[in-house]
C-alpha atoms as a PDB file:
ATOM      1  CA  UNK A   1      -9.539 -28.382   3.982  1.00  0.00           C
ATOM      2  CA  UNK A   2      -7.253 -25.592   2.701  1.00  0.00           C
ATOM      3  CA  UNK A   3      -6.713 -25.263  -1.001  1.00  0.00           C
ATOM      4  CA  UNK A   4      -3.495 -24.349  -2.732  1.00  0.00           C
ATOM      5  CA  UNK A   5      -3.412 -20.803  -4.092  1.00  0.00           C
ATOM      6  CA  UNK A   6      -1.124 -19.880  -6.950  1.00  0.00           C
ATOM      7  CA  UNK A   7       1.324 -17.023  -6.336  1.00  0.00           C
ATOM      8  CA  UNK A   8       0.389 -13.704  -7.942  1.00  0.00           C
ATOM      9  CA  UNK A   9       1.394 -13.186 -11.562  1.00  0.00           C
ATOM     10  CA  UNK A  10       3.062  -9.821 -12.162  1.00  0.00           C
ATOM     11  CA  UNK A  11       3.395  -7.927 -15.440  1.00  0.00           C
ATOM     12  CA  UNK A  12       7.005  -6.973 -14.724  1.00  0.00           C
ATOM     13  CA  UNK A  13       9.692  -9.242 -13.245  1.00  0.00           C
ATOM     14  CA  UNK A  14      10.753  -8.600  -9.661  1.00  0.00           C
ATOM     15  CA  UNK A  15      14.080  -6.978 -10.600  1.00  0.00           C
ATOM     16  CA  UNK A  16      12.304  -4.473 -12.869  1.00  0.00           C
ATOM     17  CA  UNK A  17       9.827  -3.503 -10.155  1.00  0.00           C
ATOM     18  CA  UNK A  18      12.598  -2.978  -7.612  1.00  0.00           C
ATOM     19  CA  UNK A  19      14.763  -1.063 -10.111  1.00  0.00           C
ATOM     20  CA  UNK A  20      11.852   1.221 -11.040  1.00  0.00           C
ATOM     21  CA  UNK A  21      11.099   1.857  -7.374  1.00  0.00           C
ATOM     22  CA  UNK A  22      14.776   2.713  -6.724  1.00  0.00           C
ATOM     23  CA  UNK A  23      14.771   5.059  -9.720  1.00  0.00           C
ATOM     24  CA  UNK A  24      11.685   6.827  -8.368  1.00  0.00           C
ATOM     25  CA  UNK A  25      13.261   7.122  -4.902  1.00  0.00           C
ATOM     26  CA  UNK A  26      16.415   8.602  -6.471  1.00  0.00           C
ATOM     27  CA  UNK A  27      14.214  11.104  -8.312  1.00  0.00           C
ATOM     28  CA  UNK A  28      12.550  11.911  -4.983  1.00  0.00           C
ATOM     29  CA  UNK A  29      15.939  12.703  -3.432  1.00  0.00           C
ATOM     30  CA  UNK A  30      16.846  14.940  -6.391  1.00  0.00           C
ATOM     31  CA  UNK A  31      13.583  16.862  -6.060  1.00  0.00           C
ATOM     32  CA  UNK A  32      14.037  17.162  -2.290  1.00  0.00           C
ATOM     33  CA  UNK A  33      17.265  19.094  -2.859  1.00  0.00           C
ATOM     34  CA  UNK A  34      15.212  21.842  -4.581  1.00  0.00           C
ATOM     35  CA  UNK A  35      12.970  22.278  -1.590  1.00  0.00           C
ATOM     36  CA  UNK A  36      10.756  20.258   0.707  1.00  0.00           C
ATOM     37  CA  UNK A  37       7.712  22.509   0.563  1.00  0.00           C
ATOM     38  CA  UNK A  38       7.510  22.613  -3.239  1.00  0.00           C
ATOM     39  CA  UNK A  39       6.107  19.034  -3.168  1.00  0.00           C
ATOM     40  CA  UNK A  40       7.593  18.055  -6.529  1.00  0.00           C
ATOM     41  CA  UNK A  41       9.005  15.001  -4.764  1.00  0.00           C
ATOM     42  CA  UNK A  42       5.616  13.604  -3.739  1.00  0.00           C
ATOM     43  CA  UNK A  43       4.540  11.968  -7.058  1.00  0.00           C
ATOM     44  CA  UNK A  44       7.890  10.193  -7.396  1.00  0.00           C
ATOM     45  CA  UNK A  45       7.733   8.915  -3.833  1.00  0.00           C
ATOM     46  CA  UNK A  46       4.169   7.663  -4.290  1.00  0.00           C
ATOM     47  CA  UNK A  47       5.007   5.983  -7.592  1.00  0.00           C
ATOM     48  CA  UNK A  48       8.038   4.253  -6.045  1.00  0.00           C
ATOM     49  CA  UNK A  49       5.959   3.002  -3.124  1.00  0.00           C
ATOM     50  CA  UNK A  50       3.280   1.871  -5.572  1.00  0.00           C
ATOM     51  CA  UNK A  51       5.781  -0.340  -7.396  1.00  0.00           C
ATOM     52  CA  UNK A  52       6.830  -1.904  -4.096  1.00  0.00           C
ATOM     53  CA  UNK A  53       3.377  -2.726  -2.694  1.00  0.00           C
ATOM     54  CA  UNK A  54       1.231  -3.345  -5.791  1.00  0.00           C
ATOM     55  CA  UNK A  55      -0.175  -6.841  -6.135  1.00  0.00           C
ATOM     56  CA  UNK A  56      -2.159  -7.442  -9.342  1.00  0.00           C
ATOM     57  CA  UNK A  57      -5.644  -8.885  -9.383  1.00  0.00           C
ATOM     58  CA  UNK A  58      -5.621 -12.550 -10.318  1.00  0.00           C
ATOM     59  CA  UNK A  59      -7.936 -14.162 -12.870  1.00  0.00           C
ATOM     60  CA  UNK A  60      -9.833 -16.133 -10.240  1.00  0.00           C
ATOM     61  CA  UNK A  61     -10.179 -13.175  -7.859  1.00  0.00           C
ATOM     62  CA  UNK A  62     -13.324 -11.045  -7.906  1.00  0.00           C
ATOM     63  CA  UNK A  63     -13.098  -7.275  -7.931  1.00  0.00           C
ATOM     64  CA  UNK A  64     -14.851  -7.125  -4.560  1.00  0.00           C
ATOM     65  CA  UNK A  65     -12.290  -9.454  -2.984  1.00  0.00           C
ATOM     66  CA  UNK A  66      -9.415  -7.495  -4.509  1.00  0.00           C
ATOM     67  CA  UNK A  67     -10.729  -4.131  -3.281  1.00  0.00           C
ATOM     68  CA  UNK A  68     -11.316  -5.521   0.206  1.00  0.00           C
ATOM     69  CA  UNK A  69      -7.570  -5.942   0.788  1.00  0.00           C
ATOM     70  CA  UNK A  70      -5.844  -2.921   2.403  1.00  0.00           C
ATOM     71  CA  UNK A  71      -2.789  -3.406   0.191  1.00  0.00           C
ATOM     72  CA  UNK A  72      -4.905  -2.964  -2.939  1.00  0.00           C
ATOM     73  CA  UNK A  73      -6.608   0.141  -1.580  1.00  0.00           C
ATOM     74  CA  UNK A  74      -3.274   1.693  -0.582  1.00  0.00           C
ATOM     75  CA  UNK A  75      -1.678   0.930  -3.948  1.00  0.00           C
ATOM     76  CA  UNK A  76      -4.650   2.434  -5.783  1.00  0.00           C
ATOM     77  CA  UNK A  77      -4.479   5.574  -3.601  1.00  0.00           C
ATOM     78  CA  UNK A  78      -0.730   5.900  -4.245  1.00  0.00           C
ATOM     79  CA  UNK A  79      -1.263   5.522  -7.991  1.00  0.00           C
ATOM     80  CA  UNK A  80      -3.979   8.200  -8.021  1.00  0.00           C
ATOM     81  CA  UNK A  81      -1.772  10.610  -6.049  1.00  0.00           C
ATOM     82  CA  UNK A  82       1.176   9.951  -8.383  1.00  0.00           C
ATOM     83  CA  UNK A  83      -0.860  10.481 -11.561  1.00  0.00           C
ATOM     84  CA  UNK A  84      -2.430  13.682 -10.233  1.00  0.00           C
ATOM     85  CA  UNK A  85       0.960  14.955  -9.076  1.00  0.00           C
ATOM     86  CA  UNK A  86       2.648  14.233 -12.400  1.00  0.00           C
ATOM     87  CA  UNK A  87      -0.288  15.853 -14.201  1.00  0.00           C
ATOM     88  CA  UNK A  88       0.073  18.984 -12.066  1.00  0.00           C
ATOM     89  CA  UNK A  89       3.823  18.960 -12.656  1.00  0.00           C
ATOM     90  CA  UNK A  90       3.272  18.840 -16.440  1.00  0.00           C
ATOM     91  CA  UNK A  91       0.664  21.602 -16.198  1.00  0.00           C
ATOM     92  CA  UNK A  92       3.084  23.885 -14.359  1.00  0.00           C
ATOM     93  CA  UNK A  93       5.887  22.971 -16.777  1.00  0.00           C
ATOM     94  CA  UNK A  94       3.920  23.799 -19.928  1.00  0.00           C
ATOM     95  CA  UNK A  95       2.174  26.841 -18.459  1.00  0.00           C
ATOM     96  CA  UNK A  96       5.442  28.809 -18.497  1.00  0.00           C
END
């Protein structure tokens, strides 16, 4: 017999997640005008996609079950790429 599962509880409301993703996509477009091969647009794109696909781990859910979902793996990969990209961007900015 199926059991009822509560919907996921997010830290931010839906409008804030969508607005942040749109802001990151706008930043991606601004960075794309400087040049495609400079890859300054990649962290913003990944962070915007992260805000769209991230689903938080619920209290009842084990870490193994959460990491077994492709959506969780993809959101974690996007977050890692975004953090590394922003870190590199700050390194280049302050190296000058």
